[in-house]
């Protein structure tokens, strides 16, 4: 569906817990767009997750629905809105 909405997207970053990533990894194994996993199990891991997304040059960002994502939603939106981000 993402490819239909944004055909130019080549790499998608996924901010999620390690548990959720294990599920995503199996689902996305044959995906046309390779996911970039940026794990966050604690708030302290967001800076490293953002660095991974930038280093891997992701074109889009998806997140899981979890309490940590909800609590840090402003931080995620601010990161995604940065001119050099996505």
Protein backbone atom coordinates (compact mmCIF):
# COMPACT_ATOMS: atom_id res chain seq x y z
CA UNK A 1 0.00 0.00 0.00
CA UNK A 2 2.85 2.40 0.78
CA UNK A 3 4.31 1.86 -2.69
CA UNK A 4 0.96 2.88 -4.21
CA UNK A 5 0.80 6.04 -2.09
CA UNK A 6 4.46 6.99 -2.54
CA UNK A 7 6.01 5.21 -5.55
CA UNK A 8 9.43 6.83 -5.03
CA UNK A 9 9.91 5.20 -1.61
CA UNK A 10 12.80 2.76 -1.70
CA UNK A 11 13.51 2.14 2.01
CA UNK A 12 11.11 2.24 4.94
CA UNK A 13 12.25 2.72 8.52
CA UNK A 14 10.34 0.90 11.21
CA UNK A 15 10.50 2.13 14.79
CA UNK A 16 9.31 -0.76 16.93
CA UNK A 17 10.17 -2.94 19.88
CA UNK A 18 12.34 -5.99 19.32
CA UNK A 19 9.33 -8.25 19.87
CA UNK A 20 7.27 -6.54 17.19
CA UNK A 21 10.24 -6.51 14.84
CA UNK A 22 10.42 -10.29 14.99
CA UNK A 23 6.85 -10.40 13.65
CA UNK A 24 7.52 -7.69 11.02
CA UNK A 25 10.72 -9.39 9.91
CA UNK A 26 8.85 -12.50 8.81
CA UNK A 27 6.07 -10.52 7.17
CA UNK A 28 8.44 -8.25 5.24
CA UNK A 29 10.99 -10.89 4.20
CA UNK A 30 9.81 -10.81 0.58
CA UNK A 31 8.70 -7.16 0.49
CA UNK A 32 9.50 -4.92 -2.47
CA UNK A 33 10.72 -2.27 -0.03
CA UNK A 34 13.38 -3.46 2.40
CA UNK A 35 12.64 -2.31 5.96
CA UNK A 36 15.21 -0.57 8.12
CA UNK A 37 14.68 -1.65 11.71
CA UNK A 38 15.21 0.99 14.39
CA UNK A 39 14.59 -0.75 17.73
CA UNK A 40 13.16 1.10 20.71
CA UNK A 41 12.38 -0.73 23.89
CA UNK A 42 13.15 2.29 26.11
CA UNK A 43 13.06 6.07 25.63
CA UNK A 44 16.86 6.22 25.79
CA UNK A 45 17.04 4.30 22.50
CA UNK A 46 15.37 6.91 20.32
CA UNK A 47 18.56 8.83 19.50
CA UNK A 48 20.20 5.65 18.23
CA UNK A 49 17.03 4.71 16.31
CA UNK A 50 17.01 8.12 14.62
CA UNK A 51 20.72 7.79 13.80
CA UNK A 52 20.05 4.40 12.19
CA UNK A 53 17.25 5.84 10.08
CA UNK A 54 19.49 8.66 8.85
CA UNK A 55 22.47 6.38 8.24
CA UNK A 56 20.35 3.93 6.23
CA UNK A 57 18.72 6.78 4.25
CA UNK A 58 15.14 5.70 4.77
CA UNK A 59 12.52 7.43 2.62
CA UNK A 60 9.55 6.73 4.88
CA UNK A 61 8.83 5.93 8.50
CA UNK A 62 6.32 3.62 10.15
CA UNK A 63 5.87 2.85 13.82
CA UNK A 64 4.17 0.22 15.87
CA UNK A 65 1.26 1.11 18.13
CA UNK A 66 2.62 0.88 21.64
CA UNK A 67 2.81 2.93 24.84
CA UNK A 68 6.41 4.04 24.21
CA UNK A 69 5.55 5.25 20.71
CA UNK A 70 2.56 7.13 22.10
CA UNK A 71 4.60 8.76 24.87
CA UNK A 72 7.36 9.76 22.44
CA UNK A 73 5.09 10.70 19.51
CA UNK A 74 6.08 14.37 19.61
CA UNK A 75 9.74 13.44 19.42
CA UNK A 76 9.09 11.11 16.47
CA UNK A 77 7.07 13.73 14.59
CA UNK A 78 9.74 16.38 15.22
CA UNK A 79 12.42 14.02 13.87
CA UNK A 80 10.40 13.13 10.78
CA UNK A 81 9.71 16.83 10.09
CA UNK A 82 13.40 17.76 10.04
CA UNK A 83 14.47 18.87 6.52
CA UNK A 84 17.31 16.34 6.26
CA UNK A 85 15.38 13.42 7.71
CA UNK A 86 13.07 11.68 5.24
